[in-house]
């Protein structure tokens, strides 16, 4: 998260900020760079479109069709933006839900997703490191570490170690 905060050009040293303040600033930094090449208005419209369609449980193709009216991007650019942003939003919601269900952080979690030819090296590493279950905050730290290690230029998003990630948090049972 430190990289993201540096990109936000903070005047106050981050060591004096609360975790919630750090998260808010990191998200602002993420948001400002997410849709490079688009105007701020287009970026906001795309984000709102994605949020609205998550609530409606719309398909990717429906969201992409609506997004074409907002931004003049290729199909693959739109798909990557929508998949990545949707993943980040859904994972943040899931994190908050898990924290409500497990306020004492007693449960263990792992990184779950497909293991096929499209599985990224980042997600393989995260799966390997969390295979025996880890606490939620530890899992989040591992995701950030592996994302930074494998993709130094990637602006880390909460729980999204690379564009179009297909993995999620799963409860680990012994």
Foldseek 3Di string as FASTA:
>chain_A
DVVLLVQLVDPDPPVPDDPVVVQVSSVVSCLVPLDPPDDNVLSVVLLVLLVVCVVVVDDLVVSLVVNVVRDVDDSVVSSQSSLQSNQLVVQVVVLVVVCVVCVVQPFWKAKDDDDDPPDDPLSVQRRVVQVQTDGPVVSQVSLVVSLCVVPVPDSDGRVRSDTNDGIHIDTDDD
